[in-house]
């Protein structure tokens, strides 16, 4: 059991490091770098590889830690709203992957459901946080942030995340989600 826990902690640390480092790579592409949502990749992978508790933790911590260490994303409201969003991604991806039969199609189902859930939570968090500062957050801003501007990242995640999860599975490196 300890080996599985050690492996999960190691994977979670690598996923957190990805959340911190990947935005440096995509930030060099001014037009679409932010649209690729690079922090999301590490969180999705953490949920799939380590399970929902680790995905929830890494997702909740990553944007706040990145904001403190590097000043991006801006702490309020961006990093706070992203913490709720990414925690939801890690939680749902890990939970659904654990509960659904281990078929390739279920990786995609888990990913898509967690993307939708996370974006809804992001919208609710953003609406609440901006309401506290008496700034408006209309539906058009939600739609632009959660859907329209996110299309490149959505496509990237749908292509990249399942390929990595399947590769880790086939290599026999996936720790069991139940301990």
C-alpha atoms as a PDB file:
ATOM      1  CA  UNK A   1       0.000   0.000   0.000  1.00  0.00           C
ATOM      2  CA  UNK A   2       2.783   2.467   0.810  1.00  0.00           C
ATOM      3  CA  UNK A   3       4.265   2.072  -2.663  1.00  0.00           C
ATOM      4  CA  UNK A   4       0.950   3.108  -4.222  1.00  0.00           C
ATOM      5  CA  UNK A   5       0.723   6.105  -1.916  1.00  0.00           C
ATOM      6  CA  UNK A   6       4.310   7.087  -2.651  1.00  0.00           C
ATOM      7  CA  UNK A   7       3.672   6.763  -6.383  1.00  0.00           C
ATOM      8  CA  UNK A   8       0.513   8.888  -6.138  1.00  0.00           C
ATOM      9  CA  UNK A   9       2.309  11.598  -4.155  1.00  0.00           C
ATOM     10  CA  UNK A  10       5.146  11.563  -6.687  1.00  0.00           C
ATOM     11  CA  UNK A  11       2.743  11.819  -9.634  1.00  0.00           C
ATOM     12  CA  UNK A  12       0.810  14.589  -7.873  1.00  0.00           C
ATOM     13  CA  UNK A  13       4.035  16.546  -7.327  1.00  0.00           C
ATOM     14  CA  UNK A  14       4.952  16.123 -11.003  1.00  0.00           C
ATOM     15  CA  UNK A  15       1.458  17.276 -12.014  1.00  0.00           C
ATOM     16  CA  UNK A  16       1.737  20.316  -9.749  1.00  0.00           C
ATOM     17  CA  UNK A  17       5.117  21.096 -11.295  1.00  0.00           C
ATOM     18  CA  UNK A  18       3.488  20.869 -14.737  1.00  0.00           C
ATOM     19  CA  UNK A  19       0.823  23.336 -13.596  1.00  0.00           C
ATOM     20  CA  UNK A  20       3.531  25.767 -12.570  1.00  0.00           C
ATOM     21  CA  UNK A  21       5.835  25.286 -15.565  1.00  0.00           C
ATOM     22  CA  UNK A  22       3.617  24.782 -18.631  1.00  0.00           C
ATOM     23  CA  UNK A  23       2.257  28.361 -18.639  1.00  0.00           C
ATOM     24  CA  UNK A  24       5.828  29.567 -19.243  1.00  0.00           C
ATOM     25  CA  UNK A  25       5.904  27.619 -22.515  1.00  0.00           C
ATOM     26  CA  UNK A  26       2.524  28.726 -23.821  1.00  0.00           C
ATOM     27  CA  UNK A  27       2.939  32.279 -22.532  1.00  0.00           C
ATOM     28  CA  UNK A  28       5.392  32.806 -25.368  1.00  0.00           C
ATOM     29  CA  UNK A  29       2.490  32.571 -27.829  1.00  0.00           C
ATOM     30  CA  UNK A  30       0.724  35.912 -27.233  1.00  0.00           C
ATOM     31  CA  UNK A  31      -2.457  35.270 -29.209  1.00  0.00           C
ATOM     32  CA  UNK A  32      -3.384  31.795 -27.980  1.00  0.00           C
ATOM     33  CA  UNK A  33      -1.012  30.979 -25.111  1.00  0.00           C
ATOM     34  CA  UNK A  34      -3.590  31.688 -22.397  1.00  0.00           C
ATOM     35  CA  UNK A  35      -6.344  30.051 -24.455  1.00  0.00           C
ATOM     36  CA  UNK A  36      -4.484  26.726 -24.315  1.00  0.00           C
ATOM     37  CA  UNK A  37      -5.136  26.556 -20.545  1.00  0.00           C
ATOM     38  CA  UNK A  38      -1.841  24.823 -19.752  1.00  0.00           C
ATOM     39  CA  UNK A  39      -2.443  24.552 -15.998  1.00  0.00           C
ATOM     40  CA  UNK A  40      -5.484  22.397 -16.678  1.00  0.00           C
ATOM     41  CA  UNK A  41      -3.342  19.636 -18.204  1.00  0.00           C
ATOM     42  CA  UNK A  42      -1.499  18.893 -14.961  1.00  0.00           C
ATOM     43  CA  UNK A  43      -4.732  18.885 -12.972  1.00  0.00           C
ATOM     44  CA  UNK A  44      -6.563  16.547 -15.346  1.00  0.00           C
ATOM     45  CA  UNK A  45      -3.589  14.195 -15.347  1.00  0.00           C
ATOM     46  CA  UNK A  46      -3.439  14.273 -11.562  1.00  0.00           C
ATOM     47  CA  UNK A  47      -7.118  13.339 -11.284  1.00  0.00           C
ATOM     48  CA  UNK A  48      -6.719  10.448 -13.707  1.00  0.00           C
ATOM     49  CA  UNK A  49      -3.381   9.153 -12.456  1.00  0.00           C
ATOM     50  CA  UNK A  50      -3.703   9.722  -8.711  1.00  0.00           C
ATOM     51  CA  UNK A  51      -7.442   9.818  -7.975  1.00  0.00           C
ATOM     52  CA  UNK A  52      -9.884  12.480  -6.930  1.00  0.00           C
ATOM     53  CA  UNK A  53      -8.362  13.502  -3.556  1.00  0.00           C
ATOM     54  CA  UNK A  54      -5.027  14.341  -5.191  1.00  0.00           C
ATOM     55  CA  UNK A  55      -6.695  15.956  -8.210  1.00  0.00           C
ATOM     56  CA  UNK A  56      -8.847  18.083  -5.928  1.00  0.00           C
ATOM     57  CA  UNK A  57      -5.821  19.195  -3.914  1.00  0.00           C
ATOM     58  CA  UNK A  58      -3.511  19.938  -6.851  1.00  0.00           C
ATOM     59  CA  UNK A  59      -6.320  21.739  -8.680  1.00  0.00           C
ATOM     60  CA  UNK A  60      -7.127  23.901  -5.669  1.00  0.00           C
ATOM     61  CA  UNK A  61      -3.518  24.759  -4.877  1.00  0.00           C
ATOM     62  CA  UNK A  62      -1.939  25.221  -8.326  1.00  0.00           C
ATOM     63  CA  UNK A  63      -3.407  28.602  -9.378  1.00  0.00           C
ATOM     64  CA  UNK A  64      -2.942  30.115  -5.918  1.00  0.00           C
ATOM     65  CA  UNK A  65       0.651  28.897  -5.660  1.00  0.00           C
ATOM     66  CA  UNK A  66       1.438  30.073  -9.191  1.00  0.00           C
ATOM     67  CA  UNK A  67      -0.028  33.478  -8.386  1.00  0.00           C
ATOM     68  CA  UNK A  68       2.091  33.791  -5.238  1.00  0.00           C
ATOM     69  CA  UNK A  69       5.291  32.551  -6.894  1.00  0.00           C
ATOM     70  CA  UNK A  70       5.043  34.189 -10.324  1.00  0.00           C
ATOM     71  CA  UNK A  71       2.304  36.826 -10.132  1.00  0.00           C
ATOM     72  CA  UNK A  72       0.180  35.059 -12.738  1.00  0.00           C
ATOM     73  CA  UNK A  73      -2.706  34.507 -12.732  1.00  0.00           C
ATOM     74  CA  UNK A  74      -3.693  37.622 -10.832  1.00  0.00           C
ATOM     75  CA  UNK A  75      -4.762  36.529  -7.344  1.00  0.00           C
ATOM     76  CA  UNK A  76      -8.177  38.237  -7.284  1.00  0.00           C
ATOM     77  CA  UNK A  77     -10.401  37.235  -8.923  1.00  0.00           C
ATOM     78  CA  UNK A  78      -8.534  35.046 -11.428  1.00  0.00           C
ATOM     79  CA  UNK A  79      -6.536  32.650  -9.226  1.00  0.00           C
ATOM     80  CA  UNK A  80      -9.385  32.271  -6.742  1.00  0.00           C
ATOM     81  CA  UNK A  81     -11.912  31.418  -9.452  1.00  0.00           C
ATOM     82  CA  UNK A  82      -9.399  29.114 -11.152  1.00  0.00           C
ATOM     83  CA  UNK A  83      -8.773  27.308  -7.855  1.00  0.00           C
ATOM     84  CA  UNK A  84     -12.437  26.326  -7.707  1.00  0.00           C
ATOM     85  CA  UNK A  85     -12.454  25.419 -11.406  1.00  0.00           C
ATOM     86  CA  UNK A  86      -9.294  23.323 -11.330  1.00  0.00           C
ATOM     87  CA  UNK A  87     -10.228  21.612  -8.069  1.00  0.00           C
ATOM     88  CA  UNK A  88     -13.485  20.584  -9.748  1.00  0.00           C
ATOM     89  CA  UNK A  89     -11.564  19.273 -12.768  1.00  0.00           C
ATOM     90  CA  UNK A  90      -9.267  17.152 -10.628  1.00  0.00           C
ATOM     91  CA  UNK A  91     -12.107  15.931  -8.434  1.00  0.00           C
ATOM     92  CA  UNK A  92     -14.479  14.977 -11.263  1.00  0.00           C
ATOM     93  CA  UNK A  93     -11.825  13.483 -13.546  1.00  0.00           C
ATOM     94  CA  UNK A  94     -10.516  11.296 -10.717  1.00  0.00           C
ATOM     95  CA  UNK A  95     -13.912  10.299  -9.355  1.00  0.00           C
ATOM     96  CA  UNK A  96     -15.455   9.450 -12.720  1.00  0.00           C
ATOM     97  CA  UNK A  97     -12.373   7.579 -13.885  1.00  0.00           C
ATOM     98  CA  UNK A  98     -12.424   5.554 -10.669  1.00  0.00           C
ATOM     99  CA  UNK A  99     -16.149   4.735 -10.884  1.00  0.00           C
ATOM    100  CA  UNK A 100     -16.567   4.081 -14.617  1.00  0.00           C
ATOM    101  CA  UNK A 101     -15.362   0.856 -16.268  1.00  0.00           C
ATOM    102  CA  UNK A 102     -11.766   1.110 -17.481  1.00  0.00           C
ATOM    103  CA  UNK A 103     -12.514   1.638 -21.166  1.00  0.00           C
ATOM    104  CA  UNK A 104     -10.930   4.237 -23.416  1.00  0.00           C
ATOM    105  CA  UNK A 105     -14.285   5.873 -24.126  1.00  0.00           C
ATOM    106  CA  UNK A 106     -14.753   6.452 -20.389  1.00  0.00           C
ATOM    107  CA  UNK A 107     -11.528   8.462 -20.239  1.00  0.00           C
ATOM    108  CA  UNK A 108     -13.100  10.847 -22.749  1.00  0.00           C
ATOM    109  CA  UNK A 109     -16.438  10.852 -20.910  1.00  0.00           C
ATOM    110  CA  UNK A 110     -14.695  11.610 -17.598  1.00  0.00           C
ATOM    111  CA  UNK A 111     -12.676  14.371 -19.235  1.00  0.00           C
ATOM    112  CA  UNK A 112     -15.652  16.010 -20.963  1.00  0.00           C
ATOM    113  CA  UNK A 113     -17.905  15.876 -17.887  1.00  0.00           C
ATOM    114  CA  UNK A 114     -15.151  17.331 -15.712  1.00  0.00           C
ATOM    115  CA  UNK A 115     -14.540  20.101 -18.289  1.00  0.00           C
ATOM    116  CA  UNK A 116     -18.203  21.067 -18.223  1.00  0.00           C
ATOM    117  CA  UNK A 117     -18.448  20.859 -14.424  1.00  0.00           C
ATOM    118  CA  UNK A 118     -15.276  22.867 -13.897  1.00  0.00           C
ATOM    119  CA  UNK A 119     -16.367  25.605 -16.260  1.00  0.00           C
ATOM    120  CA  UNK A 120     -19.740  25.878 -14.531  1.00  0.00           C
ATOM    121  CA  UNK A 121     -18.024  26.123 -11.140  1.00  0.00           C
ATOM    122  CA  UNK A 122     -15.600  28.716 -12.572  1.00  0.00           C
ATOM    123  CA  UNK A 123     -18.566  30.795 -13.738  1.00  0.00           C
ATOM    124  CA  UNK A 124     -20.281  30.547 -10.356  1.00  0.00           C
ATOM    125  CA  UNK A 125     -17.064  31.416  -8.502  1.00  0.00           C
ATOM    126  CA  UNK A 126     -16.299  34.297 -10.836  1.00  0.00           C
ATOM    127  CA  UNK A 127     -19.849  35.631 -10.519  1.00  0.00           C
ATOM    128  CA  UNK A 128     -19.668  35.423  -6.715  1.00  0.00           C
ATOM    129  CA  UNK A 129     -16.174  36.923  -6.418  1.00  0.00           C
ATOM    130  CA  UNK A 130     -16.923  39.793  -8.768  1.00  0.00           C
ATOM    131  CA  UNK A 131     -20.222  40.381  -6.973  1.00  0.00           C
ATOM    132  CA  UNK A 132     -18.236  40.919  -3.790  1.00  0.00           C
ATOM    133  CA  UNK A 133     -16.307  43.662  -5.543  1.00  0.00           C
ATOM    134  CA  UNK A 134     -19.468  45.085  -7.120  1.00  0.00           C
ATOM    135  CA  UNK A 135     -18.156  44.305 -10.617  1.00  0.00           C
ATOM    136  CA  UNK A 136     -20.593  42.798 -13.075  1.00  0.00           C
ATOM    137  CA  UNK A 137     -20.080  39.365 -14.637  1.00  0.00           C
ATOM    138  CA  UNK A 138     -22.685  39.030 -17.375  1.00  0.00           C
ATOM    139  CA  UNK A 139     -23.494  35.791 -19.188  1.00  0.00           C
ATOM    140  CA  UNK A 140     -21.592  37.030 -22.242  1.00  0.00           C
ATOM    141  CA  UNK A 141     -18.403  37.222 -20.153  1.00  0.00           C
ATOM    142  CA  UNK A 142     -19.021  33.701 -18.838  1.00  0.00           C
ATOM    143  CA  UNK A 143     -19.619  32.378 -22.352  1.00  0.00           C
ATOM    144  CA  UNK A 144     -16.482  34.048 -23.694  1.00  0.00           C
ATOM    145  CA  UNK A 145     -14.300  32.823 -20.819  1.00  0.00           C
ATOM    146  CA  UNK A 146     -15.706  29.323 -20.488  1.00  0.00           C
ATOM    147  CA  UNK A 147     -16.415  28.450 -24.115  1.00  0.00           C
ATOM    148  CA  UNK A 148     -15.460  30.808 -26.923  1.00  0.00           C
ATOM    149  CA  UNK A 149     -11.933  31.705 -25.787  1.00  0.00           C
ATOM    150  CA  UNK A 150     -11.372  28.217 -24.377  1.00  0.00           C
ATOM    151  CA  UNK A 151     -11.816  26.270 -27.643  1.00  0.00           C
ATOM    152  CA  UNK A 152      -8.064  25.865 -28.374  1.00  0.00           C
ATOM    153  CA  UNK A 153      -7.492  24.547 -24.845  1.00  0.00           C
ATOM    154  CA  UNK A 154     -10.506  22.255 -24.999  1.00  0.00           C
ATOM    155  CA  UNK A 155      -9.193  20.731 -28.227  1.00  0.00           C
ATOM    156  CA  UNK A 156      -5.678  20.389 -26.799  1.00  0.00           C
ATOM    157  CA  UNK A 157      -6.961  18.691 -23.644  1.00  0.00           C
ATOM    158  CA  UNK A 158      -9.223  16.286 -25.544  1.00  0.00           C
ATOM    159  CA  UNK A 159      -6.251  15.221 -27.681  1.00  0.00           C
ATOM    160  CA  UNK A 160      -3.392  15.258 -25.168  1.00  0.00           C
ATOM    161  CA  UNK A 161      -4.787  14.111 -21.804  1.00  0.00           C
ATOM    162  CA  UNK A 162      -6.305  10.772 -22.927  1.00  0.00           C
ATOM    163  CA  UNK A 163      -3.174   9.910 -24.933  1.00  0.00           C
ATOM    164  CA  UNK A 164      -1.005  10.382 -21.833  1.00  0.00           C
ATOM    165  CA  UNK A 165      -3.406   8.465 -19.569  1.00  0.00           C
ATOM    166  CA  UNK A 166      -3.572   5.576 -22.047  1.00  0.00           C
ATOM    167  CA  UNK A 167       0.228   5.550 -22.406  1.00  0.00           C
ATOM    168  CA  UNK A 168       0.688   5.416 -18.622  1.00  0.00           C
ATOM    169  CA  UNK A 169      -1.895   2.600 -18.435  1.00  0.00           C
ATOM    170  CA  UNK A 170      -0.216   0.577 -21.169  1.00  0.00           C
ATOM    171  CA  UNK A 171       3.182   1.066 -19.526  1.00  0.00           C
ATOM    172  CA  UNK A 172       1.747  -0.404 -16.312  1.00  0.00           C
ATOM    173  CA  UNK A 173       2.606   2.734 -14.339  1.00  0.00           C
ATOM    174  CA  UNK A 174      -0.900   3.669 -13.194  1.00  0.00           C
ATOM    175  CA  UNK A 175      -1.403   3.284  -9.440  1.00  0.00           C
ATOM    176  CA  UNK A 176      -4.746   1.770  -8.492  1.00  0.00           C
ATOM    177  CA  UNK A 177      -7.151   4.469  -7.351  1.00  0.00           C
ATOM    178  CA  UNK A 178      -8.472   2.331  -4.511  1.00  0.00           C
ATOM    179  CA  UNK A 179      -6.095   1.754  -1.636  1.00  0.00           C
END
